[in-house]
N, C-alpha and C. Protein backbone atom coordinates (compact mmCIF):
# COMPACT_ATOMS: atom_id res chain seq x y z
N UNK A 1 15.19 -26.32 -1.63
CA UNK A 1 13.92 -25.71 -1.29
C UNK A 1 14.03 -25.03 0.08
N UNK A 2 13.52 -23.83 0.18
CA UNK A 2 13.55 -23.11 1.45
C UNK A 2 12.52 -23.71 2.40
N UNK A 3 12.77 -23.52 3.67
CA UNK A 3 11.82 -24.00 4.67
C UNK A 3 10.60 -23.08 4.71
N UNK A 4 9.51 -23.61 5.17
CA UNK A 4 8.28 -22.83 5.29
C UNK A 4 8.40 -21.86 6.46
N UNK A 5 7.68 -20.73 6.39
CA UNK A 5 7.72 -19.80 7.52
C UNK A 5 7.05 -20.43 8.75
N UNK A 6 7.39 -19.90 9.90
CA UNK A 6 6.79 -20.42 11.13
C UNK A 6 5.32 -20.05 11.20
N UNK A 7 4.58 -20.79 12.00
CA UNK A 7 3.17 -20.49 12.20
C UNK A 7 3.01 -19.10 12.81
N UNK A 8 3.91 -18.74 13.71
CA UNK A 8 3.85 -17.41 14.32
C UNK A 8 4.01 -16.31 13.27
N UNK A 9 4.97 -16.47 12.36
CA UNK A 9 5.15 -15.48 11.30
C UNK A 9 3.91 -15.38 10.43
N UNK A 10 3.32 -16.52 10.09
CA UNK A 10 2.09 -16.52 9.29
C UNK A 10 0.95 -15.82 10.02
N UNK A 11 0.87 -16.01 11.32
CA UNK A 11 -0.18 -15.35 12.10
C UNK A 11 0.02 -13.84 12.13
N UNK A 12 1.28 -13.37 12.25
CA UNK A 12 1.55 -11.93 12.20
C UNK A 12 1.12 -11.34 10.86
N UNK A 13 1.47 -12.02 9.77
CA UNK A 13 1.08 -11.56 8.44
C UNK A 13 -0.44 -11.56 8.30
N UNK A 14 -1.08 -12.63 8.76
CA UNK A 14 -2.54 -12.74 8.66
C UNK A 14 -3.26 -11.67 9.46
N UNK A 15 -2.79 -11.40 10.66
CA UNK A 15 -3.42 -10.37 11.49
C UNK A 15 -3.27 -8.99 10.85
N UNK A 16 -2.06 -8.69 10.39
CA UNK A 16 -1.86 -7.41 9.71
C UNK A 16 -2.71 -7.30 8.46
N UNK A 17 -2.78 -8.40 7.70
CA UNK A 17 -3.59 -8.42 6.48
C UNK A 17 -5.06 -8.20 6.77
N UNK A 18 -5.56 -8.81 7.84
CA UNK A 18 -6.96 -8.63 8.20
C UNK A 18 -7.26 -7.18 8.53
N UNK A 19 -6.37 -6.53 9.26
CA UNK A 19 -6.58 -5.12 9.61
C UNK A 19 -6.47 -4.22 8.39
N UNK A 20 -5.49 -4.47 7.53
CA UNK A 20 -5.34 -3.67 6.32
C UNK A 20 -6.52 -3.83 5.38
N UNK A 21 -6.97 -5.07 5.21
CA UNK A 21 -8.12 -5.34 4.35
C UNK A 21 -9.38 -4.71 4.92
N UNK A 22 -9.55 -4.78 6.24
CA UNK A 22 -10.71 -4.16 6.88
C UNK A 22 -10.73 -2.65 6.67
N UNK A 23 -9.56 -2.03 6.78
CA UNK A 23 -9.48 -0.58 6.56
C UNK A 23 -9.78 -0.23 5.10
N UNK A 24 -9.26 -1.03 4.17
CA UNK A 24 -9.54 -0.79 2.75
C UNK A 24 -11.04 -0.88 2.49
N UNK A 25 -11.69 -1.90 3.04
CA UNK A 25 -13.13 -2.07 2.86
C UNK A 25 -13.89 -0.88 3.46
N UNK A 26 -13.50 -0.45 4.65
CA UNK A 26 -14.17 0.68 5.30
C UNK A 26 -14.04 1.94 4.45
N UNK A 27 -12.88 2.16 3.87
CA UNK A 27 -12.68 3.33 3.00
C UNK A 27 -13.56 3.25 1.75
N UNK A 28 -13.66 2.06 1.17
CA UNK A 28 -14.49 1.89 -0.04
C UNK A 28 -15.96 2.14 0.26
N UNK A 29 -16.42 1.70 1.42
CA UNK A 29 -17.82 1.92 1.81
C UNK A 29 -18.07 3.39 2.14
N UNK A 30 -17.13 4.00 2.84
CA UNK A 30 -17.29 5.40 3.26
C UNK A 30 -17.12 6.38 2.11
N UNK A 31 -16.40 5.98 1.05
CA UNK A 31 -16.06 6.89 -0.04
C UNK A 31 -16.36 6.23 -1.38
N UNK A 32 -17.63 5.92 -1.66
CA UNK A 32 -17.95 5.23 -2.92
C UNK A 32 -17.82 6.17 -4.12
N UNK A 33 -17.59 5.57 -5.28
CA UNK A 33 -17.54 6.34 -6.53
C UNK A 33 -18.93 6.91 -6.80
N UNK A 34 -18.98 8.11 -7.34
CA UNK A 34 -20.25 8.78 -7.62
C UNK A 34 -21.09 8.00 -8.62
N UNK A 35 -20.44 7.44 -9.64
CA UNK A 35 -21.12 6.62 -10.64
C UNK A 35 -20.10 5.68 -11.27
N UNK A 36 -20.56 4.83 -12.17
CA UNK A 36 -19.68 3.80 -12.73
C UNK A 36 -18.58 4.38 -13.63
N UNK A 37 -18.69 5.63 -14.03
CA UNK A 37 -17.67 6.25 -14.88
C UNK A 37 -16.71 7.12 -14.08
N UNK A 38 -16.91 7.21 -12.76
CA UNK A 38 -16.06 8.05 -11.91
C UNK A 38 -14.81 7.29 -11.48
N UNK A 39 -13.76 8.04 -11.20
CA UNK A 39 -12.55 7.43 -10.67
C UNK A 39 -12.85 6.78 -9.32
N UNK A 40 -12.37 5.58 -9.09
CA UNK A 40 -12.52 4.94 -7.78
C UNK A 40 -11.51 5.53 -6.79
N UNK A 41 -11.85 6.68 -6.24
CA UNK A 41 -10.91 7.43 -5.42
C UNK A 41 -10.51 6.71 -4.14
N UNK A 42 -11.42 5.91 -3.57
CA UNK A 42 -11.08 5.19 -2.34
C UNK A 42 -9.94 4.20 -2.61
N UNK A 43 -10.03 3.45 -3.70
CA UNK A 43 -8.97 2.49 -4.03
C UNK A 43 -7.67 3.23 -4.31
N UNK A 44 -7.76 4.30 -5.06
CA UNK A 44 -6.57 5.10 -5.37
C UNK A 44 -5.94 5.64 -4.08
N UNK A 45 -6.76 6.16 -3.18
CA UNK A 45 -6.25 6.74 -1.94
C UNK A 45 -5.58 5.70 -1.05
N UNK A 46 -6.21 4.53 -0.88
CA UNK A 46 -5.58 3.52 -0.01
C UNK A 46 -4.31 2.97 -0.64
N UNK A 47 -4.27 2.87 -1.96
CA UNK A 47 -3.05 2.39 -2.61
C UNK A 47 -1.90 3.38 -2.45
N UNK A 48 -2.19 4.66 -2.59
CA UNK A 48 -1.14 5.68 -2.42
C UNK A 48 -0.72 5.74 -0.94
N UNK A 49 -1.69 5.74 -0.03
CA UNK A 49 -1.37 5.78 1.40
C UNK A 49 -0.56 4.55 1.82
N UNK A 50 -0.96 3.38 1.33
CA UNK A 50 -0.23 2.16 1.65
C UNK A 50 1.18 2.18 1.08
N UNK A 51 1.33 2.74 -0.11
CA UNK A 51 2.65 2.85 -0.72
C UNK A 51 3.54 3.80 0.08
N UNK A 52 2.97 4.92 0.51
CA UNK A 52 3.71 5.86 1.35
C UNK A 52 4.13 5.19 2.66
N UNK A 53 3.21 4.47 3.28
CA UNK A 53 3.51 3.80 4.54
C UNK A 53 4.59 2.74 4.38
N UNK A 54 4.53 1.95 3.32
CA UNK A 54 5.55 0.92 3.15
C UNK A 54 6.91 1.55 2.84
N UNK A 55 6.92 2.71 2.18
CA UNK A 55 8.18 3.42 1.97
C UNK A 55 8.78 3.89 3.29
N UNK A 56 7.94 4.43 4.17
CA UNK A 56 8.39 4.86 5.50
C UNK A 56 8.93 3.66 6.28
N UNK A 57 8.19 2.57 6.29
CA UNK A 57 8.59 1.39 7.04
C UNK A 57 9.87 0.78 6.49
N UNK A 58 10.01 0.77 5.17
CA UNK A 58 11.22 0.23 4.56
C UNK A 58 12.43 1.07 4.94
N UNK A 59 12.27 2.38 4.91
CA UNK A 59 13.39 3.26 5.30
C UNK A 59 13.78 3.03 6.75
N UNK A 60 12.79 2.91 7.62
CA UNK A 60 13.09 2.65 9.03
C UNK A 60 13.80 1.32 9.21
N UNK A 61 13.32 0.30 8.53
CA UNK A 61 13.91 -1.03 8.65
C UNK A 61 15.32 -1.07 8.09
N UNK A 62 15.51 -0.54 6.90
CA UNK A 62 16.81 -0.62 6.25
C UNK A 62 17.83 0.30 6.90
N UNK A 63 17.38 1.43 7.39
CA UNK A 63 18.29 2.38 8.05
C UNK A 63 18.84 1.79 9.34
N UNK A 64 18.01 1.06 10.03
CA UNK A 64 18.43 0.46 11.30
C UNK A 64 19.08 -0.90 11.10
N UNK A 65 19.14 -1.37 9.86
CA UNK A 65 19.74 -2.67 9.59
C UNK A 65 18.90 -3.83 10.08
N UNK A 66 17.62 -3.59 10.29
CA UNK A 66 16.75 -4.65 10.79
C UNK A 66 16.54 -5.71 9.73
N UNK A 67 16.43 -6.93 10.18
CA UNK A 67 16.15 -8.00 9.23
C UNK A 67 14.69 -7.92 8.82
N UNK A 68 14.38 -8.34 7.61
CA UNK A 68 13.02 -8.22 7.11
C UNK A 68 12.06 -9.15 7.84
N UNK A 69 12.56 -10.19 8.45
CA UNK A 69 11.68 -11.19 9.05
C UNK A 69 11.16 -10.87 10.43
N UNK A 70 11.45 -9.70 10.97
CA UNK A 70 10.96 -9.40 12.32
C UNK A 70 9.44 -9.38 12.33
N UNK A 71 8.88 -9.70 13.47
CA UNK A 71 7.42 -9.78 13.60
C UNK A 71 6.74 -8.47 13.23
N UNK A 72 7.32 -7.35 13.66
CA UNK A 72 6.73 -6.05 13.34
C UNK A 72 6.72 -5.76 11.86
N UNK A 73 7.81 -6.10 11.19
CA UNK A 73 7.86 -5.88 9.74
C UNK A 73 6.89 -6.81 9.02
N UNK A 74 6.80 -8.05 9.45
CA UNK A 74 5.85 -8.97 8.83
C UNK A 74 4.43 -8.47 9.02
N UNK A 75 4.11 -8.02 10.24
CA UNK A 75 2.78 -7.52 10.54
C UNK A 75 2.45 -6.27 9.72
N UNK A 76 3.36 -5.28 9.73
CA UNK A 76 3.08 -4.00 9.09
C UNK A 76 3.28 -4.00 7.58
N UNK A 77 4.43 -4.49 7.12
CA UNK A 77 4.75 -4.38 5.70
C UNK A 77 4.05 -5.45 4.86
N UNK A 78 4.24 -6.70 5.23
CA UNK A 78 3.64 -7.78 4.44
C UNK A 78 2.14 -7.86 4.70
N UNK A 79 1.75 -7.84 5.97
CA UNK A 79 0.35 -8.01 6.32
C UNK A 79 -0.49 -6.77 6.10
N UNK A 80 -0.26 -5.72 6.91
CA UNK A 80 -1.12 -4.54 6.87
C UNK A 80 -1.06 -3.83 5.51
N UNK A 81 0.15 -3.49 5.06
CA UNK A 81 0.27 -2.78 3.77
C UNK A 81 -0.18 -3.66 2.62
N UNK A 82 0.13 -4.95 2.70
CA UNK A 82 -0.31 -5.87 1.65
C UNK A 82 -1.83 -6.00 1.60
N UNK A 83 -2.47 -5.99 2.77
CA UNK A 83 -3.93 -6.06 2.82
C UNK A 83 -4.59 -4.74 2.45
N UNK A 84 -3.96 -3.64 2.81
CA UNK A 84 -4.52 -2.32 2.53
C UNK A 84 -4.48 -2.01 1.04
N UNK A 85 -3.35 -2.25 0.42
CA UNK A 85 -3.23 -1.96 -1.01
C UNK A 85 -3.74 -3.15 -1.81
N UNK A 86 -4.19 -2.89 -3.01
CA UNK A 86 -4.84 -3.97 -3.74
C UNK A 86 -4.70 -3.82 -5.24
N UNK A 87 -3.73 -4.50 -5.78
CA UNK A 87 -3.54 -4.45 -7.22
C UNK A 87 -4.65 -5.20 -7.96
N UNK A 88 -5.14 -6.27 -7.37
CA UNK A 88 -6.20 -7.04 -8.04
C UNK A 88 -7.47 -6.23 -8.19
N UNK A 89 -7.79 -5.39 -7.21
CA UNK A 89 -9.00 -4.58 -7.31
C UNK A 89 -8.83 -3.48 -8.34
N UNK A 90 -7.63 -2.96 -8.49
CA UNK A 90 -7.35 -2.00 -9.56
C UNK A 90 -7.62 -2.67 -10.91
N UNK A 91 -7.21 -3.93 -11.03
CA UNK A 91 -7.46 -4.68 -12.27
C UNK A 91 -8.95 -4.83 -12.54
N UNK A 92 -9.72 -5.13 -11.51
CA UNK A 92 -11.17 -5.28 -11.68
C UNK A 92 -11.80 -3.95 -12.10
N UNK A 93 -11.45 -2.88 -11.40
CA UNK A 93 -12.02 -1.58 -11.74
C UNK A 93 -11.61 -1.16 -13.15
N UNK A 94 -10.39 -1.46 -13.53
CA UNK A 94 -9.92 -1.14 -14.88
C UNK A 94 -10.69 -1.93 -15.93
N UNK A 95 -10.93 -3.20 -15.66
CA UNK A 95 -11.70 -4.03 -16.60
C UNK A 95 -13.12 -3.49 -16.76
N UNK A 96 -13.69 -2.97 -15.70
CA UNK A 96 -15.03 -2.38 -15.80
C UNK A 96 -15.01 -1.13 -16.66
N UNK A 97 -13.97 -0.31 -16.56
CA UNK A 97 -13.85 0.86 -17.42
C UNK A 97 -13.73 0.43 -18.88
N UNK A 98 -12.96 -0.62 -19.16
CA UNK A 98 -12.83 -1.14 -20.53
C UNK A 98 -14.19 -1.60 -21.03
N UNK A 99 -14.89 -2.35 -20.22
CA UNK A 99 -16.21 -2.87 -20.60
C UNK A 99 -17.19 -1.75 -20.94
N UNK A 100 -17.07 -0.63 -20.22
CA UNK A 100 -17.96 0.51 -20.43
C UNK A 100 -17.45 1.47 -21.50
N UNK A 101 -16.27 1.19 -22.04
CA UNK A 101 -15.69 2.07 -23.04
C UNK A 101 -15.19 3.39 -22.47
N UNK A 102 -14.91 3.43 -21.19
CA UNK A 102 -14.43 4.65 -20.51
C UNK A 102 -12.91 4.73 -20.59
N UNK A 103 -12.41 4.93 -21.80
CA UNK A 103 -10.97 4.88 -22.05
C UNK A 103 -10.20 6.02 -21.39
N UNK A 104 -10.75 7.21 -21.40
CA UNK A 104 -10.07 8.34 -20.77
C UNK A 104 -10.00 8.15 -19.26
N UNK A 105 -11.10 7.70 -18.66
CA UNK A 105 -11.10 7.45 -17.22
C UNK A 105 -10.12 6.33 -16.88
N UNK A 106 -10.07 5.29 -17.71
CA UNK A 106 -9.13 4.19 -17.51
C UNK A 106 -7.69 4.71 -17.52
N UNK A 107 -7.35 5.49 -18.53
CA UNK A 107 -5.99 6.02 -18.63
C UNK A 107 -5.63 6.91 -17.46
N UNK A 108 -6.56 7.76 -17.06
CA UNK A 108 -6.33 8.64 -15.92
C UNK A 108 -6.12 7.83 -14.65
N UNK A 109 -6.97 6.84 -14.43
CA UNK A 109 -6.89 6.01 -13.22
C UNK A 109 -5.59 5.23 -13.16
N UNK A 110 -5.22 4.58 -14.26
CA UNK A 110 -3.99 3.80 -14.27
C UNK A 110 -2.76 4.70 -14.12
N UNK A 111 -2.79 5.85 -14.78
CA UNK A 111 -1.67 6.79 -14.66
C UNK A 111 -1.52 7.32 -13.24
N UNK A 112 -2.64 7.74 -12.64
CA UNK A 112 -2.59 8.23 -11.26
C UNK A 112 -2.18 7.13 -10.29
N UNK A 113 -2.65 5.91 -10.53
CA UNK A 113 -2.28 4.79 -9.67
C UNK A 113 -0.79 4.53 -9.71
N UNK A 114 -0.24 4.45 -10.91
CA UNK A 114 1.19 4.18 -11.05
C UNK A 114 2.03 5.30 -10.44
N UNK A 115 1.69 6.53 -10.77
CA UNK A 115 2.43 7.67 -10.21
C UNK A 115 2.29 7.74 -8.70
N UNK A 116 1.08 7.49 -8.21
CA UNK A 116 0.85 7.53 -6.76
C UNK A 116 1.61 6.46 -6.02
N UNK A 117 1.64 5.25 -6.57
CA UNK A 117 2.38 4.16 -5.91
C UNK A 117 3.86 4.47 -5.87
N UNK A 118 4.41 4.87 -7.02
CA UNK A 118 5.85 5.16 -7.07
C UNK A 118 6.21 6.36 -6.20
N UNK A 119 5.44 7.42 -6.29
CA UNK A 119 5.71 8.61 -5.48
C UNK A 119 5.53 8.31 -4.00
N UNK A 120 4.54 7.50 -3.67
CA UNK A 120 4.31 7.16 -2.27
C UNK A 120 5.47 6.39 -1.67
N UNK A 121 5.90 5.35 -2.35
CA UNK A 121 7.01 4.54 -1.83
C UNK A 121 8.30 5.36 -1.78
N UNK A 122 8.64 6.00 -2.90
CA UNK A 122 9.89 6.77 -2.95
C UNK A 122 9.84 7.96 -1.99
N UNK A 123 8.71 8.66 -1.96
CA UNK A 123 8.58 9.81 -1.08
C UNK A 123 8.63 9.43 0.39
N UNK A 124 7.92 8.38 0.75
CA UNK A 124 7.94 7.93 2.14
C UNK A 124 9.32 7.49 2.57
N UNK A 125 10.01 6.78 1.68
CA UNK A 125 11.35 6.29 1.97
C UNK A 125 12.33 7.45 2.15
N UNK A 126 12.34 8.37 1.19
CA UNK A 126 13.30 9.49 1.23
C UNK A 126 12.99 10.45 2.39
N UNK A 127 11.71 10.73 2.61
CA UNK A 127 11.33 11.63 3.70
C UNK A 127 11.75 11.04 5.05
N UNK A 128 11.53 9.75 5.21
CA UNK A 128 11.89 9.11 6.47
C UNK A 128 13.40 9.12 6.68
N UNK A 129 14.17 8.81 5.64
CA UNK A 129 15.63 8.87 5.77
C UNK A 129 16.08 10.29 6.10
N UNK A 130 15.45 11.27 5.48
CA UNK A 130 15.78 12.68 5.76
C UNK A 130 15.49 13.02 7.22
N UNK A 131 14.31 12.62 7.71
CA UNK A 131 13.94 12.93 9.09
C UNK A 131 14.81 12.18 10.09
N UNK A 132 15.12 10.93 9.79
CA UNK A 132 15.99 10.15 10.67
C UNK A 132 17.38 10.79 10.71
N UNK A 133 17.85 11.21 9.54
CA UNK A 133 19.17 11.86 9.48
C UNK A 133 19.23 13.10 10.34
N UNK A 134 18.16 13.92 10.28
CA UNK A 134 18.12 15.13 11.10
C UNK A 134 18.00 14.78 12.57
N UNK A 135 17.24 13.75 12.89
CA UNK A 135 17.07 13.36 14.28
C UNK A 135 18.38 12.84 14.87
N UNK A 136 19.16 12.15 14.06
CA UNK A 136 20.42 11.58 14.55
C UNK A 136 21.51 12.63 14.67
N UNK A 137 21.43 13.69 13.88
CA UNK A 137 22.46 14.74 13.95
C UNK A 137 22.05 15.89 14.86
N UNK A 138 20.81 15.84 15.36
CA UNK A 138 20.33 16.89 16.25
C UNK A 138 19.82 18.12 15.54
N UNK A 139 19.63 18.04 14.21
CA UNK A 139 19.14 19.20 13.44
C UNK A 139 17.66 19.38 13.63
């Protein structure tokens, strides 16, 4: 059995999570869906933005050979990005579309979510590696 993380590591994750969750909530309040059949654009936007950010952070961490357990990575990747993005809320919103028989909206939302998450992570990762490569070669 692995040892438990340190209290300090848990606090870094918790602090990042609180900030990410707070930002997600603020976006949902500031950008509500027009009606119950509309795409939940705030959730979609924070999930794509969080995916892009975690791709950037992963590229920075892996390019520099940083260990995953550093306080900054725990705070930003596990805490902030984990709190900002929300797969469980996508599930809730999807269940509401099913309940309302909004099948086309459900398919659109799930498709955009999946594509956005994948494109965000991959795009952020590749863009960051590209920019780091140019910065290191002086281009």
